[in-house]
Amino acid sequence: MSKPPDAADESARPAGVRVNAPKCVRCAKPVEPRFRPFCSQRCSDIDLGAWVMGRYHVASDEPPPEAESDDRPLKPDPASEG
């Protein structure tokens, strides 16, 4: 007859269960639930700024918008009009 596993027994823990707390994806400090997956508003803002500046991108098979041909005529330069 086997005895039930003790909660303090290490072998009682199922394999693959995470024991440590998650870390901030930017600076590796412990994650704050309010800012998850970041540790603070600062790390969240830095990451958002990187997206806005184009440092991150999502892979796609479509050509970038500036590479598409545009058949519309260019707008005249207001400074060149007399």
C-alpha atoms as a PDB file:
ATOM      1  CA  MET A   1       0.000   0.000   0.000  1.00  0.00           C
ATOM      2  CA  SER A   2       1.485   3.379  -1.000  1.00  0.00           C
ATOM      3  CA  LYS A   3       1.086   6.486   1.093  1.00  0.00           C
ATOM      4  CA  PRO A   4      -0.380   9.674  -0.454  1.00  0.00           C
ATOM      5  CA  PRO A   5       2.228  12.194  -1.633  1.00  0.00           C
ATOM      6  CA  ASP A   6       3.134  14.864   0.884  1.00  0.00           C
ATOM      7  CA  ALA A   7       2.698  18.477  -0.278  1.00  0.00           C
ATOM      8  CA  ALA A   8       6.277  19.229   0.787  1.00  0.00           C
ATOM      9  CA  ASP A   9       7.623  16.220  -1.147  1.00  0.00           C
ATOM     10  CA  GLU A  10       9.439  17.388  -4.334  1.00  0.00           C
ATOM     11  CA  SER A  11       8.531  14.197  -6.178  1.00  0.00           C
ATOM     12  CA  ALA A  12       4.828  14.990  -5.683  1.00  0.00           C
ATOM     13  CA  ARG A  13       5.057  18.000  -8.030  1.00  0.00           C
ATOM     14  CA  PRO A  14       3.894  17.155 -11.570  1.00  0.00           C
ATOM     15  CA  ALA A  15       6.548  17.460 -14.263  1.00  0.00           C
ATOM     16  CA  GLY A  16       6.492  20.673 -16.261  1.00  0.00           C
ATOM     17  CA  VAL A  17       4.943  22.883 -13.562  1.00  0.00           C
ATOM     18  CA  ARG A  18       6.531  26.317 -13.410  1.00  0.00           C
ATOM     19  CA  VAL A  19       7.768  27.122  -9.922  1.00  0.00           C
ATOM     20  CA  ASN A  20       9.369  30.512 -10.499  1.00  0.00           C
ATOM     21  CA  ALA A  21       7.513  33.740 -11.201  1.00  0.00           C
ATOM     22  CA  PRO A  22       7.427  35.031 -14.794  1.00  0.00           C
ATOM     23  CA  LYS A  23       9.966  37.657 -15.766  1.00  0.00           C
ATOM     24  CA  CYS A  24       9.504  40.934 -17.652  1.00  0.00           C
ATOM     25  CA  VAL A  25      10.047  40.395 -21.381  1.00  0.00           C
ATOM     26  CA  ARG A  26      12.103  43.579 -21.533  1.00  0.00           C
ATOM     27  CA  CYS A  27      14.330  43.664 -18.421  1.00  0.00           C
ATOM     28  CA  ALA A  28      13.794  40.236 -16.770  1.00  0.00           C
ATOM     29  CA  LYS A  29      12.585  41.668 -13.438  1.00  0.00           C
ATOM     30  CA  PRO A  30       9.583  39.922 -11.828  1.00  0.00           C
ATOM     31  CA  VAL A  31       6.333  40.658 -13.662  1.00  0.00           C
ATOM     32  CA  GLU A  32       3.767  42.929 -12.057  1.00  0.00           C
ATOM     33  CA  PRO A  33       0.279  41.526 -12.800  1.00  0.00           C
ATOM     34  CA  ARG A  34      -1.011  45.030 -13.550  1.00  0.00           C
ATOM     35  CA  PHE A  35       1.511  45.486 -16.397  1.00  0.00           C
ATOM     36  CA  ARG A  36       1.831  41.870 -17.576  1.00  0.00           C
ATOM     37  CA  PRO A  37       3.991  40.781 -19.445  1.00  0.00           C
ATOM     38  CA  PHE A  38       6.085  43.709 -18.174  1.00  0.00           C
ATOM     39  CA  CYS A  39       7.290  44.688 -14.704  1.00  0.00           C
ATOM     40  CA  SER A  40       6.283  48.351 -14.926  1.00  0.00           C
ATOM     41  CA  GLN A  41       4.642  51.051 -16.994  1.00  0.00           C
ATOM     42  CA  ARG A  42       8.132  52.177 -18.047  1.00  0.00           C
ATOM     43  CA  CYS A  43       8.998  48.828 -19.673  1.00  0.00           C
ATOM     44  CA  SER A  44       5.569  48.758 -21.301  1.00  0.00           C
ATOM     45  CA  ASP A  45       6.062  52.252 -22.741  1.00  0.00           C
ATOM     46  CA  ILE A  46       9.564  51.448 -24.016  1.00  0.00           C
ATOM     47  CA  ASP A  47       8.195  48.385 -25.819  1.00  0.00           C
ATOM     48  CA  LEU A  48       5.310  50.385 -27.317  1.00  0.00           C
ATOM     49  CA  GLY A  49       7.787  53.027 -28.511  1.00  0.00           C
ATOM     50  CA  ALA A  50       9.836  50.328 -30.243  1.00  0.00           C
ATOM     51  CA  TRP A  51       6.712  49.175 -32.144  1.00  0.00           C
ATOM     52  CA  VAL A  52       5.851  52.761 -33.119  1.00  0.00           C
ATOM     53  CA  MET A  53       9.400  53.454 -34.345  1.00  0.00           C
ATOM     54  CA  GLY A  54       9.306  50.298 -36.485  1.00  0.00           C
ATOM     55  CA  ARG A  55      11.951  48.331 -34.582  1.00  0.00           C
ATOM     56  CA  TYR A  56       9.567  45.377 -34.390  1.00  0.00           C
ATOM     57  CA  HIS A  57       7.456  44.044 -37.227  1.00  0.00           C
ATOM     58  CA  VAL A  58       5.215  41.129 -38.011  1.00  0.00           C
ATOM     59  CA  ALA A  59       6.402  38.950 -40.883  1.00  0.00           C
ATOM     60  CA  SER A  60       4.168  38.980 -43.951  1.00  0.00           C
ATOM     61  CA  ASP A  61       4.225  37.870 -47.577  1.00  0.00           C
ATOM     62  CA  GLU A  62       2.729  41.196 -48.700  1.00  0.00           C
ATOM     63  CA  PRO A  63       5.066  43.933 -49.989  1.00  0.00           C
ATOM     64  CA  PRO A  64       5.466  47.006 -47.768  1.00  0.00           C
ATOM     65  CA  PRO A  65       3.049  49.868 -48.591  1.00  0.00           C
ATOM     66  CA  GLU A  66       5.823  52.111 -49.982  1.00  0.00           C
ATOM     67  CA  ALA A  67       6.853  49.372 -52.447  1.00  0.00           C
ATOM     68  CA  GLU A  68       3.408  49.213 -54.076  1.00  0.00           C
ATOM     69  CA  SER A  69       3.010  51.082 -57.357  1.00  0.00           C
ATOM     70  CA  ASP A  70       0.666  54.039 -57.310  1.00  0.00           C
ATOM     71  CA  ASP A  71      -0.958  55.172 -60.571  1.00  0.00           C
ATOM     72  CA  ARG A  72      -2.376  58.385 -59.093  1.00  0.00           C
ATOM     73  CA  PRO A  73      -0.741  61.645 -60.204  1.00  0.00           C
ATOM     74  CA  LEU A  74       1.434  63.435 -57.680  1.00  0.00           C
ATOM     75  CA  LYS A  75      -0.064  66.437 -55.922  1.00  0.00           C
ATOM     76  CA  PRO A  76       1.382  69.731 -57.169  1.00  0.00           C
ATOM     77  CA  ASP A  77       3.750  71.506 -54.786  1.00  0.00           C
ATOM     78  CA  PRO A  78       1.852  74.544 -53.353  1.00  0.00           C
ATOM     79  CA  ALA A  79       5.109  76.556 -53.213  1.00  0.00           C
ATOM     80  CA  SER A  80       5.677  76.167 -56.973  1.00  0.00           C
ATOM     81  CA  GLU A  81       2.272  77.623 -57.867  1.00  0.00           C
ATOM     82  CA  GLY A  82       2.281  81.309 -58.681  1.00  0.00           C
END
